[in-house]
Amino acid sequence: MEVGAVPKPTFFRLPEEKRRRLMDAAWSEFTQVGFAEASINRIIRSAHIPRGSFYQYFENKNDLFFYMLDELRGEGSAFALNLLREAGGDVFSVPLLAFDALIEANGRASPRLGQVIRLLELNQGIDLLRVLTPACTEREDPFPLLTAVDRTAFRRKDDGFAANLTALLLSSFFCAITNILRGVSSYGESRRSLEEQIDIIRLGALSTPEKGVPA
């Protein structure tokens, strides 16, 4: 099973409301039980579509599940890109902006992040970083964020350097939210640790230290 499943053309001809209803039903099912136990019958009952219609949209459960992950990847990329544009291309600001958007001050995850975490808990084989940002390591197909990154002060301006830098920042972000949600550290501790890691990465990435950041 691989990320990258494509629905049949009939799926994309469905009205948006019906497509969304089916995907919402899939999210509900896959966040209640793991992939192996998930039932197409329960999904189509929840979505109020005939069983025969399902197979006009997807070959099988695998395709539905991995199309759902593809949607999630697109959602994650759009979210990060919006934050990057909000930050004026400053990629170092994105992890903290994302942290503040997805983690409440009491340490609870936002509803959408809670769904994603539940999905991952039930399907331990999923690599979150690969699902959400697979192109971080694919030089022939650069991660979409790269085009919006301000590289003016970088030691190197090439895509490879920017992609590796982005991957490091994303890894620090995922580590921070994982620690807080697993109770390894408090909200404040996780956020401060993320800030420190960003500063370390920044020092290694910039051609000259920023004002206020020790060399």
N, C-alpha and C. Protein backbone atom coordinates (compact mmCIF):
# COMPACT_ATOMS: atom_id res chain seq x y z
N MET A 1 0.84 -1.19 0.00
CA MET A 1 0.00 0.00 0.00
C MET A 1 0.88 1.25 0.00
N GLU A 2 0.58 2.21 -0.86
CA GLU A 2 1.41 3.40 -0.95
C GLU A 2 0.55 4.64 -1.01
N VAL A 3 1.14 5.74 -0.44
CA VAL A 3 0.49 7.03 -0.59
C VAL A 3 0.51 7.39 -2.07
N GLY A 4 -0.55 7.97 -2.57
CA GLY A 4 -0.60 8.36 -3.96
C GLY A 4 -1.77 7.74 -4.71
N ALA A 5 -2.68 7.08 -3.99
CA ALA A 5 -3.84 6.47 -4.63
C ALA A 5 -4.70 7.54 -5.29
N VAL A 6 -5.26 7.20 -6.45
CA VAL A 6 -6.10 8.14 -7.19
C VAL A 6 -7.50 7.56 -7.35
N PRO A 7 -8.54 8.30 -6.96
CA PRO A 7 -9.90 7.81 -7.16
C PRO A 7 -10.22 7.69 -8.65
N LYS A 8 -11.29 6.99 -8.95
CA LYS A 8 -11.74 6.89 -10.33
C LYS A 8 -12.33 8.24 -10.76
N PRO A 9 -12.36 8.52 -12.06
CA PRO A 9 -12.88 9.81 -12.54
C PRO A 9 -14.29 10.12 -12.05
N THR A 10 -15.12 9.08 -11.83
CA THR A 10 -16.50 9.33 -11.39
C THR A 10 -16.54 10.02 -10.03
N PHE A 11 -15.53 9.79 -9.21
CA PHE A 11 -15.49 10.44 -7.90
C PHE A 11 -15.43 11.95 -8.04
N PHE A 12 -14.63 12.42 -8.98
CA PHE A 12 -14.44 13.86 -9.14
C PHE A 12 -15.63 14.52 -9.85
N ARG A 13 -16.50 13.68 -10.42
CA ARG A 13 -17.70 14.24 -11.04
C ARG A 13 -18.85 14.35 -10.05
N LEU A 14 -18.66 13.84 -8.86
CA LEU A 14 -19.69 13.94 -7.83
C LEU A 14 -19.85 15.39 -7.37
N PRO A 15 -21.04 15.78 -6.91
CA PRO A 15 -21.19 17.09 -6.30
C PRO A 15 -20.27 17.20 -5.08
N GLU A 16 -19.77 18.38 -4.82
CA GLU A 16 -18.84 18.58 -3.71
C GLU A 16 -19.40 18.07 -2.39
N GLU A 17 -20.69 18.31 -2.15
CA GLU A 17 -21.30 17.88 -0.89
C GLU A 17 -21.23 16.37 -0.72
N LYS A 18 -21.43 15.64 -1.80
CA LYS A 18 -21.41 14.18 -1.72
C LYS A 18 -19.99 13.66 -1.55
N ARG A 19 -19.04 14.29 -2.24
CA ARG A 19 -17.64 13.90 -2.06
C ARG A 19 -17.20 14.14 -0.62
N ARG A 20 -17.59 15.28 -0.08
CA ARG A 20 -17.20 15.62 1.28
C ARG A 20 -17.84 14.67 2.28
N ARG A 21 -19.09 14.29 2.01
CA ARG A 21 -19.80 13.36 2.91
C ARG A 21 -19.09 12.02 2.97
N LEU A 22 -18.62 11.54 1.81
CA LEU A 22 -17.90 10.28 1.76
C LEU A 22 -16.57 10.36 2.50
N MET A 23 -15.84 11.47 2.28
CA MET A 23 -14.55 11.61 2.94
C MET A 23 -14.71 11.82 4.45
N ASP A 24 -15.75 12.52 4.86
CA ASP A 24 -16.00 12.68 6.30
C ASP A 24 -16.31 11.33 6.94
N ALA A 25 -17.06 10.50 6.22
CA ALA A 25 -17.38 9.16 6.73
C ALA A 25 -16.11 8.32 6.83
N ALA A 26 -15.21 8.48 5.86
CA ALA A 26 -13.94 7.75 5.89
C ALA A 26 -13.10 8.19 7.08
N TRP A 27 -13.03 9.49 7.31
CA TRP A 27 -12.28 10.00 8.46
C TRP A 27 -12.87 9.45 9.77
N SER A 28 -14.17 9.44 9.85
CA SER A 28 -14.82 8.93 11.06
C SER A 28 -14.46 7.47 11.30
N GLU A 29 -14.49 6.66 10.25
CA GLU A 29 -14.19 5.23 10.38
C GLU A 29 -12.72 5.00 10.72
N PHE A 30 -11.83 5.65 9.99
CA PHE A 30 -10.40 5.39 10.17
C PHE A 30 -9.83 6.02 11.44
N THR A 31 -10.61 6.85 12.11
CA THR A 31 -10.15 7.38 13.40
C THR A 31 -10.84 6.69 14.57
N GLN A 32 -11.63 5.66 14.25
CA GLN A 32 -12.24 4.84 15.31
C GLN A 32 -11.61 3.46 15.38
N VAL A 33 -11.20 2.94 14.23
CA VAL A 33 -10.54 1.63 14.18
C VAL A 33 -9.37 1.72 13.21
N GLY A 34 -8.41 0.79 13.34
CA GLY A 34 -7.28 0.75 12.44
C GLY A 34 -7.68 0.33 11.04
N PHE A 35 -6.74 0.47 10.12
CA PHE A 35 -7.03 0.17 8.72
C PHE A 35 -7.58 -1.25 8.53
N ALA A 36 -6.95 -2.22 9.16
CA ALA A 36 -7.35 -3.62 8.97
C ALA A 36 -8.79 -3.87 9.40
N GLU A 37 -9.23 -3.16 10.45
CA GLU A 37 -10.58 -3.39 10.98
C GLU A 37 -11.62 -2.47 10.35
N ALA A 38 -11.19 -1.50 9.59
CA ALA A 38 -12.14 -0.54 9.00
C ALA A 38 -13.06 -1.24 8.01
N SER A 39 -14.32 -0.79 8.00
CA SER A 39 -15.35 -1.44 7.19
C SER A 39 -15.91 -0.50 6.12
N ILE A 40 -15.85 -0.95 4.87
CA ILE A 40 -16.48 -0.19 3.80
C ILE A 40 -17.98 -0.07 4.04
N ASN A 41 -18.59 -1.13 4.56
CA ASN A 41 -20.03 -1.09 4.82
C ASN A 41 -20.39 0.04 5.79
N ARG A 42 -19.61 0.20 6.85
CA ARG A 42 -19.90 1.27 7.80
C ARG A 42 -19.68 2.64 7.17
N ILE A 43 -18.66 2.74 6.33
CA ILE A 43 -18.38 4.02 5.68
C ILE A 43 -19.53 4.43 4.76
N ILE A 44 -20.00 3.48 3.93
CA ILE A 44 -21.05 3.85 2.97
C ILE A 44 -22.39 4.09 3.67
N ARG A 45 -22.62 3.39 4.79
CA ARG A 45 -23.85 3.67 5.56
C ARG A 45 -23.81 5.07 6.13
N SER A 46 -22.66 5.43 6.67
CA SER A 46 -22.51 6.77 7.24
C SER A 46 -22.60 7.85 6.17
N ALA A 47 -22.08 7.55 4.98
CA ALA A 47 -22.10 8.52 3.88
C ALA A 47 -23.42 8.51 3.12
N HIS A 48 -24.27 7.51 3.39
CA HIS A 48 -25.58 7.38 2.73
C HIS A 48 -25.42 7.21 1.21
N ILE A 49 -24.53 6.28 0.83
CA ILE A 49 -24.38 5.96 -0.59
C ILE A 49 -24.50 4.44 -0.75
N PRO A 50 -24.98 3.97 -1.91
CA PRO A 50 -25.08 2.53 -2.15
C PRO A 50 -23.70 1.89 -2.24
N ARG A 51 -23.61 0.60 -1.86
CA ARG A 51 -22.32 -0.09 -1.91
C ARG A 51 -21.76 -0.12 -3.33
N GLY A 52 -22.65 -0.36 -4.31
CA GLY A 52 -22.17 -0.40 -5.69
C GLY A 52 -21.56 0.91 -6.13
N SER A 53 -22.10 2.01 -5.61
CA SER A 53 -21.58 3.32 -5.99
C SER A 53 -20.15 3.51 -5.50
N PHE A 54 -19.86 2.96 -4.32
CA PHE A 54 -18.50 3.12 -3.77
C PHE A 54 -17.46 2.63 -4.77
N TYR A 55 -17.72 1.47 -5.39
CA TYR A 55 -16.74 0.89 -6.30
C TYR A 55 -16.70 1.61 -7.65
N GLN A 56 -17.60 2.56 -7.85
CA GLN A 56 -17.48 3.44 -9.00
C GLN A 56 -16.51 4.58 -8.71
N TYR A 57 -16.22 4.78 -7.41
CA TYR A 57 -15.35 5.88 -7.00
C TYR A 57 -13.94 5.40 -6.63
N PHE A 58 -13.85 4.23 -5.99
CA PHE A 58 -12.57 3.69 -5.55
C PHE A 58 -12.50 2.20 -5.86
N GLU A 59 -11.29 1.72 -6.13
CA GLU A 59 -11.11 0.30 -6.38
C GLU A 59 -11.35 -0.52 -5.11
N ASN A 60 -10.90 0.01 -3.98
CA ASN A 60 -10.96 -0.75 -2.74
C ASN A 60 -10.71 0.18 -1.55
N LYS A 61 -10.64 -0.41 -0.38
CA LYS A 61 -10.40 0.34 0.85
C LYS A 61 -9.02 0.99 0.84
N ASN A 62 -8.04 0.29 0.29
CA ASN A 62 -6.69 0.84 0.21
C ASN A 62 -6.69 2.20 -0.48
N ASP A 63 -7.34 2.27 -1.64
CA ASP A 63 -7.34 3.50 -2.42
C ASP A 63 -8.03 4.63 -1.66
N LEU A 64 -9.12 4.32 -0.98
CA LEU A 64 -9.82 5.34 -0.20
C LEU A 64 -8.92 5.86 0.91
N PHE A 65 -8.29 4.94 1.64
CA PHE A 65 -7.45 5.32 2.77
C PHE A 65 -6.28 6.20 2.32
N PHE A 66 -5.60 5.80 1.27
CA PHE A 66 -4.42 6.55 0.87
C PHE A 66 -4.78 7.81 0.10
N TYR A 67 -5.96 7.87 -0.50
CA TYR A 67 -6.41 9.14 -1.05
C TYR A 67 -6.70 10.11 0.10
N MET A 68 -7.25 9.59 1.19
CA MET A 68 -7.50 10.41 2.37
C MET A 68 -6.18 11.00 2.88
N LEU A 69 -5.12 10.18 2.90
CA LEU A 69 -3.81 10.68 3.33
C LEU A 69 -3.26 11.72 2.35
N ASP A 70 -3.52 11.52 1.06
CA ASP A 70 -3.09 12.51 0.08
C ASP A 70 -3.79 13.85 0.31
N GLU A 71 -5.08 13.78 0.62
CA GLU A 71 -5.82 15.00 0.95
C GLU A 71 -5.21 15.68 2.17
N LEU A 72 -4.85 14.87 3.16
CA LEU A 72 -4.24 15.39 4.37
C LEU A 72 -2.90 16.06 4.06
N ARG A 73 -2.12 15.43 3.20
CA ARG A 73 -0.85 16.02 2.79
C ARG A 73 -1.07 17.38 2.13
N GLY A 74 -2.06 17.44 1.23
CA GLY A 74 -2.35 18.71 0.58
C GLY A 74 -2.81 19.77 1.56
N GLU A 75 -3.62 19.36 2.52
CA GLU A 75 -4.09 20.28 3.55
C GLU A 75 -2.92 20.79 4.39
N GLY A 76 -2.02 19.88 4.75
CA GLY A 76 -0.85 20.28 5.54
C GLY A 76 0.06 21.22 4.78
N SER A 77 0.27 20.95 3.50
CA SER A 77 1.11 21.81 2.67
C SER A 77 0.49 23.20 2.52
N ALA A 78 -0.83 23.25 2.30
CA ALA A 78 -1.51 24.54 2.16
C ALA A 78 -1.44 25.33 3.46
N PHE A 79 -1.61 24.63 4.58
CA PHE A 79 -1.53 25.27 5.90
C PHE A 79 -0.15 25.89 6.11
N ALA A 80 0.90 25.12 5.84
CA ALA A 80 2.26 25.62 6.02
C ALA A 80 2.56 26.76 5.06
N LEU A 81 2.09 26.65 3.82
CA LEU A 81 2.34 27.70 2.83
C LEU A 81 1.66 29.00 3.24
N ASN A 82 0.44 28.92 3.76
CA ASN A 82 -0.25 30.12 4.22
C ASN A 82 0.51 30.79 5.36
N LEU A 83 1.04 29.96 6.28
CA LEU A 83 1.81 30.51 7.40
C LEU A 83 3.09 31.16 6.89
N LEU A 84 3.74 30.52 5.91
CA LEU A 84 4.97 31.07 5.37
C LEU A 84 4.72 32.42 4.69
N ARG A 85 3.63 32.51 3.97
CA ARG A 85 3.29 33.79 3.33
C ARG A 85 2.95 34.84 4.37
N GLU A 86 2.26 34.41 5.43
CA GLU A 86 1.94 35.32 6.54
C GLU A 86 3.23 35.86 7.16
N ALA A 87 4.28 35.02 7.20
CA ALA A 87 5.56 35.40 7.79
C ALA A 87 6.47 36.10 6.80
N GLY A 88 5.99 36.39 5.61
CA GLY A 88 6.80 37.09 4.62
C GLY A 88 7.97 36.29 4.10
N GLY A 89 7.81 34.96 4.07
CA GLY A 89 8.86 34.10 3.55
C GLY A 89 9.87 33.65 4.58
N ASP A 90 9.70 34.08 5.84
CA ASP A 90 10.64 33.70 6.90
C ASP A 90 10.32 32.28 7.38
N VAL A 91 11.03 31.29 6.86
CA VAL A 91 10.74 29.89 7.15
C VAL A 91 10.97 29.56 8.62
N PHE A 92 11.82 30.34 9.30
CA PHE A 92 12.10 30.08 10.71
C PHE A 92 10.92 30.43 11.62
N SER A 93 9.99 31.24 11.12
CA SER A 93 8.82 31.61 11.91
C SER A 93 7.71 30.56 11.84
N VAL A 94 7.74 29.74 10.80
CA VAL A 94 6.63 28.83 10.55
C VAL A 94 6.40 27.80 11.66
N PRO A 95 7.45 27.12 12.19
CA PRO A 95 7.18 26.11 13.23
C PRO A 95 6.44 26.66 14.44
N LEU A 96 6.82 27.84 14.92
CA LEU A 96 6.14 28.41 16.09
C LEU A 96 4.73 28.89 15.74
N LEU A 97 4.55 29.43 14.55
CA LEU A 97 3.21 29.82 14.12
C LEU A 97 2.30 28.60 14.05
N ALA A 98 2.83 27.50 13.51
CA ALA A 98 2.05 26.26 13.42
C ALA A 98 1.76 25.69 14.80
N PHE A 99 2.76 25.72 15.67
CA PHE A 99 2.59 25.24 17.04
C PHE A 99 1.45 26.00 17.72
N ASP A 100 1.47 27.32 17.61
CA ASP A 100 0.44 28.14 18.27
C ASP A 100 -0.94 27.93 17.66
N ALA A 101 -0.96 27.60 16.37
CA ALA A 101 -2.25 27.39 15.70
C ALA A 101 -2.86 26.03 16.03
N LEU A 102 -2.01 25.05 16.30
CA LEU A 102 -2.49 23.67 16.46
C LEU A 102 -2.52 23.17 17.90
N ILE A 103 -1.80 23.84 18.80
CA ILE A 103 -1.77 23.43 20.21
C ILE A 103 -2.33 24.55 21.07
N GLU A 104 -3.34 24.24 21.87
CA GLU A 104 -3.93 25.22 22.77
C GLU A 104 -3.03 25.42 23.98
N ALA A 105 -3.21 26.53 24.68
CA ALA A 105 -2.36 26.86 25.82
C ALA A 105 -2.45 25.82 26.93
N ASN A 106 -3.55 25.07 26.98
CA ASN A 106 -3.67 24.01 27.99
C ASN A 106 -3.01 22.70 27.53
N GLY A 107 -2.38 22.74 26.37
CA GLY A 107 -1.67 21.56 25.89
C GLY A 107 -2.51 20.63 25.04
N ARG A 108 -3.75 20.97 24.80
CA ARG A 108 -4.61 20.12 23.98
C ARG A 108 -4.44 20.43 22.50
N ALA A 109 -4.60 19.40 21.70
CA ALA A 109 -4.50 19.58 20.25
C ALA A 109 -5.78 20.20 19.71
N SER A 110 -5.65 20.93 18.62
CA SER A 110 -6.84 21.44 17.92
C SER A 110 -7.65 20.24 17.43
N PRO A 111 -8.96 20.43 17.18
CA PRO A 111 -9.78 19.29 16.74
C PRO A 111 -9.22 18.56 15.52
N ARG A 112 -8.72 19.30 14.54
CA ARG A 112 -8.21 18.64 13.33
C ARG A 112 -6.94 17.86 13.64
N LEU A 113 -6.04 18.45 14.40
CA LEU A 113 -4.82 17.74 14.78
C LEU A 113 -5.16 16.52 15.61
N GLY A 114 -6.19 16.64 16.46
CA GLY A 114 -6.62 15.49 17.25
C GLY A 114 -7.04 14.33 16.37
N GLN A 115 -7.73 14.64 15.28
CA GLN A 115 -8.12 13.60 14.31
C GLN A 115 -6.90 12.91 13.72
N VAL A 116 -5.92 13.73 13.32
CA VAL A 116 -4.72 13.19 12.69
C VAL A 116 -3.96 12.29 13.67
N ILE A 117 -3.86 12.74 14.91
CA ILE A 117 -3.15 11.96 15.93
C ILE A 117 -3.85 10.62 16.15
N ARG A 118 -5.17 10.66 16.21
CA ARG A 118 -5.92 9.42 16.39
C ARG A 118 -5.69 8.47 15.22
N LEU A 119 -5.67 9.00 14.02
CA LEU A 119 -5.42 8.19 12.83
C LEU A 119 -4.05 7.51 12.93
N LEU A 120 -3.05 8.27 13.37
CA LEU A 120 -1.70 7.73 13.46
C LEU A 120 -1.58 6.71 14.59
N GLU A 121 -2.28 6.95 15.69
CA GLU A 121 -2.25 6.02 16.82
C GLU A 121 -2.81 4.66 16.41
N LEU A 122 -3.83 4.68 15.56
CA LEU A 122 -4.47 3.44 15.14
C LEU A 122 -3.73 2.75 14.00
N ASN A 123 -2.83 3.49 13.36
CA ASN A 123 -2.08 2.95 12.22
C ASN A 123 -0.61 3.29 12.41
N GLN A 124 0.05 2.55 13.27
CA GLN A 124 1.39 2.88 13.72
C GLN A 124 2.43 2.90 12.61
N GLY A 125 2.13 2.27 11.49
CA GLY A 125 3.12 2.21 10.41
C GLY A 125 3.21 3.49 9.59
N ILE A 126 2.34 4.46 9.85
CA ILE A 126 2.33 5.68 9.04
C ILE A 126 3.44 6.62 9.52
N ASP A 127 4.25 7.10 8.59
CA ASP A 127 5.29 8.08 8.86
C ASP A 127 4.70 9.46 8.63
N LEU A 128 4.44 10.19 9.72
CA LEU A 128 3.76 11.48 9.61
C LEU A 128 4.52 12.45 8.72
N LEU A 129 5.84 12.55 8.90
CA LEU A 129 6.61 13.49 8.10
C LEU A 129 6.54 13.13 6.62
N ARG A 130 6.60 11.83 6.31
CA ARG A 130 6.54 11.40 4.90
C ARG A 130 5.15 11.64 4.30
N VAL A 131 4.12 11.40 5.10
CA VAL A 131 2.76 11.60 4.59
C VAL A 131 2.50 13.06 4.28
N LEU A 132 2.89 13.95 5.20
CA LEU A 132 2.55 15.35 5.04
C LEU A 132 3.51 16.09 4.11
N THR A 133 4.78 15.68 4.08
CA THR A 133 5.76 16.42 3.30
C THR A 133 6.70 15.48 2.54
N PRO A 134 6.19 14.61 1.70
CA PRO A 134 7.04 13.63 1.03
C PRO A 134 8.09 14.25 0.13
N ALA A 135 7.81 15.43 -0.41
CA ALA A 135 8.75 16.00 -1.37
C ALA A 135 9.95 16.66 -0.72
N CYS A 136 10.04 16.64 0.61
CA CYS A 136 11.21 17.21 1.28
C CYS A 136 12.49 16.52 0.82
N THR A 137 12.39 15.26 0.43
CA THR A 137 13.58 14.51 0.05
C THR A 137 13.58 14.16 -1.44
N GLU A 138 12.66 14.77 -2.19
CA GLU A 138 12.57 14.48 -3.61
C GLU A 138 13.05 15.69 -4.40
N ARG A 139 14.34 15.70 -4.75
CA ARG A 139 14.92 16.88 -5.40
C ARG A 139 14.30 17.16 -6.77
N GLU A 140 13.83 16.12 -7.44
CA GLU A 140 13.26 16.35 -8.77
C GLU A 140 11.86 16.96 -8.69
N ASP A 141 11.27 16.98 -7.51
CA ASP A 141 9.93 17.54 -7.34
C ASP A 141 9.94 18.33 -6.03
N PRO A 142 10.55 19.53 -6.00
CA PRO A 142 10.77 20.24 -4.74
C PRO A 142 9.49 20.49 -3.97
N PHE A 143 9.63 20.46 -2.66
CA PHE A 143 8.53 20.73 -1.75
C PHE A 143 7.93 22.09 -2.08
N PRO A 144 6.60 22.21 -2.23
CA PRO A 144 5.99 23.48 -2.65
C PRO A 144 6.37 24.68 -1.79
N LEU A 145 6.66 24.47 -0.50
CA LEU A 145 7.06 25.58 0.35
C LEU A 145 8.29 26.30 -0.18
N LEU A 146 9.17 25.58 -0.85
CA LEU A 146 10.47 26.14 -1.22
C LEU A 146 10.35 27.39 -2.07
N THR A 147 9.35 27.43 -2.92
CA THR A 147 9.21 28.58 -3.82
C THR A 147 8.85 29.86 -3.07
N ALA A 148 8.31 29.72 -1.86
CA ALA A 148 7.89 30.89 -1.09
C ALA A 148 8.90 31.27 0.00
N VAL A 149 9.97 30.49 0.14
CA VAL A 149 10.96 30.75 1.19
C VAL A 149 11.88 31.90 0.78
N ASP A 150 12.07 32.86 1.67
CA ASP A 150 13.02 33.94 1.44
C ASP A 150 14.42 33.42 1.78
N ARG A 151 15.26 33.26 0.76
CA ARG A 151 16.59 32.68 0.94
C ARG A 151 17.70 33.73 0.97
N THR A 152 17.32 34.99 1.07
CA THR A 152 18.28 36.09 0.96
C THR A 152 19.49 35.92 1.86
N ALA A 153 19.27 35.54 3.12
CA ALA A 153 20.37 35.47 4.09
C ALA A 153 20.96 34.07 4.24
N PHE A 154 20.49 33.11 3.45
CA PHE A 154 20.98 31.73 3.57
C PHE A 154 22.45 31.64 3.12
N ARG A 155 23.19 30.74 3.73
CA ARG A 155 24.57 30.48 3.31
C ARG A 155 24.61 29.95 1.88
N ARG A 156 23.59 29.14 1.54
CA ARG A 156 23.45 28.63 0.19
C ARG A 156 22.03 28.88 -0.27
N LYS A 157 21.86 29.11 -1.55
CA LYS A 157 20.54 29.49 -2.07
C LYS A 157 19.86 28.37 -2.86
N ASP A 158 20.52 27.20 -2.99
CA ASP A 158 19.97 26.16 -3.85
C ASP A 158 18.80 25.42 -3.19
N ASP A 159 18.02 24.71 -4.02
CA ASP A 159 16.85 23.98 -3.53
C ASP A 159 17.22 22.91 -2.51
N GLY A 160 18.33 22.23 -2.75
CA GLY A 160 18.72 21.16 -1.84
C GLY A 160 18.94 21.67 -0.43
N PHE A 161 19.64 22.79 -0.30
CA PHE A 161 19.87 23.38 1.02
C PHE A 161 18.55 23.80 1.66
N ALA A 162 17.69 24.48 0.88
CA ALA A 162 16.41 24.94 1.41
C ALA A 162 15.52 23.77 1.81
N ALA A 163 15.57 22.68 1.04
CA ALA A 163 14.75 21.51 1.36
C ALA A 163 15.22 20.85 2.65
N ASN A 164 16.54 20.72 2.82
CA ASN A 164 17.06 20.12 4.04
C ASN A 164 16.76 20.99 5.26
N LEU A 165 16.86 22.29 5.09
CA LEU A 165 16.54 23.22 6.17
C LEU A 165 15.06 23.10 6.56
N THR A 166 14.20 23.05 5.56
CA THR A 166 12.77 22.91 5.81
C THR A 166 12.47 21.60 6.53
N ALA A 167 13.12 20.53 6.12
CA ALA A 167 12.90 19.23 6.76
C ALA A 167 13.34 19.26 8.22
N LEU A 168 14.46 19.92 8.52
CA LEU A 168 14.92 20.03 9.91
C LEU A 168 13.92 20.80 10.76
N LEU A 169 13.41 21.89 10.23
CA LEU A 169 12.43 22.68 10.97
C LEU A 169 11.14 21.90 11.21
N LEU A 170 10.70 21.18 10.20
CA LEU A 170 9.50 20.35 10.35
C LEU A 170 9.70 19.25 11.38
N SER A 171 10.88 18.65 11.36
CA SER A 171 11.17 17.60 12.34
C SER A 171 11.13 18.14 13.75
N SER A 172 11.69 19.33 13.95
CA SER A 172 11.66 19.95 15.28
C SER A 172 10.23 20.25 15.70
N PHE A 173 9.42 20.71 14.75
CA PHE A 173 8.02 20.99 15.05
C PHE A 173 7.27 19.73 15.45
N PHE A 174 7.42 18.66 14.67
CA PHE A 174 6.73 17.41 14.99
C PHE A 174 7.19 16.83 16.31
N CYS A 175 8.48 16.98 16.62
CA CYS A 175 9.01 16.50 17.90
C CYS A 175 8.37 17.27 19.04
N ALA A 176 8.23 18.58 18.89
CA ALA A 176 7.65 19.41 19.95
C ALA A 176 6.20 19.05 20.23
N ILE A 177 5.40 18.88 19.16
CA ILE A 177 4.00 18.58 19.41
C ILE A 177 3.83 17.14 19.92
N THR A 178 4.71 16.24 19.47
CA THR A 178 4.65 14.87 19.97
C THR A 178 4.95 14.82 21.47
N ASN A 179 5.98 15.56 21.90
CA ASN A 179 6.34 15.57 23.32
C ASN A 179 5.23 16.11 24.20
N ILE A 180 4.59 17.17 23.76
CA ILE A 180 3.54 17.75 24.59
C ILE A 180 2.31 16.85 24.63
N LEU A 181 1.95 16.25 23.51
CA LEU A 181 0.75 15.43 23.45
C LEU A 181 0.94 14.09 24.16
N ARG A 182 2.18 13.64 24.26
CA ARG A 182 2.45 12.40 24.99
C ARG A 182 2.77 12.65 26.46
N GLY A 183 2.74 13.92 26.86
CA GLY A 183 2.99 14.24 28.26
C GLY A 183 4.45 14.21 28.65
N VAL A 184 5.35 14.18 27.65
CA VAL A 184 6.78 14.16 27.94
C VAL A 184 7.23 15.50 28.50
N SER A 185 6.64 16.58 28.00
CA SER A 185 6.97 17.92 28.49
C SER A 185 5.71 18.77 28.47
N SER A 186 5.75 19.86 29.24
CA SER A 186 4.60 20.75 29.33
C SER A 186 4.50 21.63 28.09
N TYR A 187 3.40 22.37 27.99
CA TYR A 187 3.22 23.29 26.87
C TYR A 187 4.39 24.27 26.80
N GLY A 188 4.69 24.90 27.93
CA GLY A 188 5.77 25.89 27.96
C GLY A 188 7.12 25.29 27.63
N GLU A 189 7.40 24.12 28.19
CA GLU A 189 8.68 23.45 27.93
C GLU A 189 8.82 23.09 26.46
N SER A 190 7.75 22.57 25.88
CA SER A 190 7.80 22.16 24.48
C SER A 190 8.01 23.37 23.57
N ARG A 191 7.33 24.46 23.88
CA ARG A 191 7.46 25.66 23.04
C ARG A 191 8.86 26.26 23.16
N ARG A 192 9.38 26.32 24.38
CA ARG A 192 10.73 26.86 24.57
C ARG A 192 11.78 25.99 23.88
N SER A 193 11.61 24.68 23.98
CA SER A 193 12.54 23.77 23.31
C SER A 193 12.50 23.96 21.80
N LEU A 194 11.29 24.16 21.26
CA LEU A 194 11.16 24.40 19.82
C LEU A 194 11.86 25.69 19.44
N GLU A 195 11.68 26.74 20.23
CA GLU A 195 12.36 28.01 19.96
C GLU A 195 13.88 27.83 19.93
N GLU A 196 14.41 27.08 20.90
CA GLU A 196 15.85 26.87 20.98
C GLU A 196 16.36 26.09 19.76
N GLN A 197 15.61 25.07 19.36
CA GLN A 197 16.02 24.30 18.19
C GLN A 197 16.00 25.15 16.93
N ILE A 198 14.99 26.01 16.81
CA ILE A 198 14.91 26.90 15.64
C ILE A 198 16.11 27.83 15.61
N ASP A 199 16.51 28.36 16.79
CA ASP A 199 17.67 29.27 16.84
C ASP A 199 18.95 28.55 16.41
N ILE A 200 19.10 27.28 16.84
CA ILE A 200 20.28 26.51 16.46
C ILE A 200 20.31 26.28 14.95
N ILE A 201 19.17 25.91 14.39
CA ILE A 201 19.08 25.68 12.94
C ILE A 201 19.33 26.98 12.18
N ARG A 202 18.78 28.07 12.71
CA ARG A 202 18.96 29.38 12.07
C ARG A 202 20.45 29.76 12.00
N LEU A 203 21.16 29.56 13.12
CA LEU A 203 22.58 29.91 13.16
C LEU A 203 23.38 29.13 12.13
N GLY A 204 23.00 27.88 11.91
CA GLY A 204 23.72 27.08 10.93
C GLY A 204 23.36 27.41 9.50
N ALA A 205 22.20 28.03 9.31
CA ALA A 205 21.69 28.25 7.95
C ALA A 205 22.03 29.62 7.39
N LEU A 206 22.19 30.62 8.26
CA LEU A 206 22.40 31.98 7.78
C LEU A 206 23.87 32.26 7.50
N SER A 207 24.10 33.13 6.51
CA SER A 207 25.48 33.47 6.14
C SER A 207 26.14 34.34 7.21
N THR A 208 25.35 35.19 7.86
CA THR A 208 25.84 36.00 8.99
C THR A 208 24.76 35.98 10.06
N PRO A 209 25.14 35.96 11.36
CA PRO A 209 24.14 35.94 12.43
C PRO A 209 23.22 37.13 12.37
N GLU A 210 21.96 36.91 12.72
CA GLU A 210 21.01 38.03 12.81
C GLU A 210 21.30 38.85 14.03
N LYS A 211 20.90 40.12 14.00
CA LYS A 211 21.04 40.97 15.18
C LYS A 211 20.24 40.37 16.33
N GLY A 212 20.87 40.33 17.49
CA GLY A 212 20.17 39.79 18.66
C GLY A 212 20.36 38.31 18.82
N VAL A 213 20.93 37.64 17.82
CA VAL A 213 21.18 36.20 17.91
C VAL A 213 22.67 36.01 18.04
N PRO A 214 23.17 35.47 19.16
CA PRO A 214 24.60 35.35 19.38
C PRO A 214 25.26 34.45 18.34
N ALA A 215 26.48 34.80 17.97
CA ALA A 215 27.24 34.00 16.99
C ALA A 215 27.81 32.76 17.65
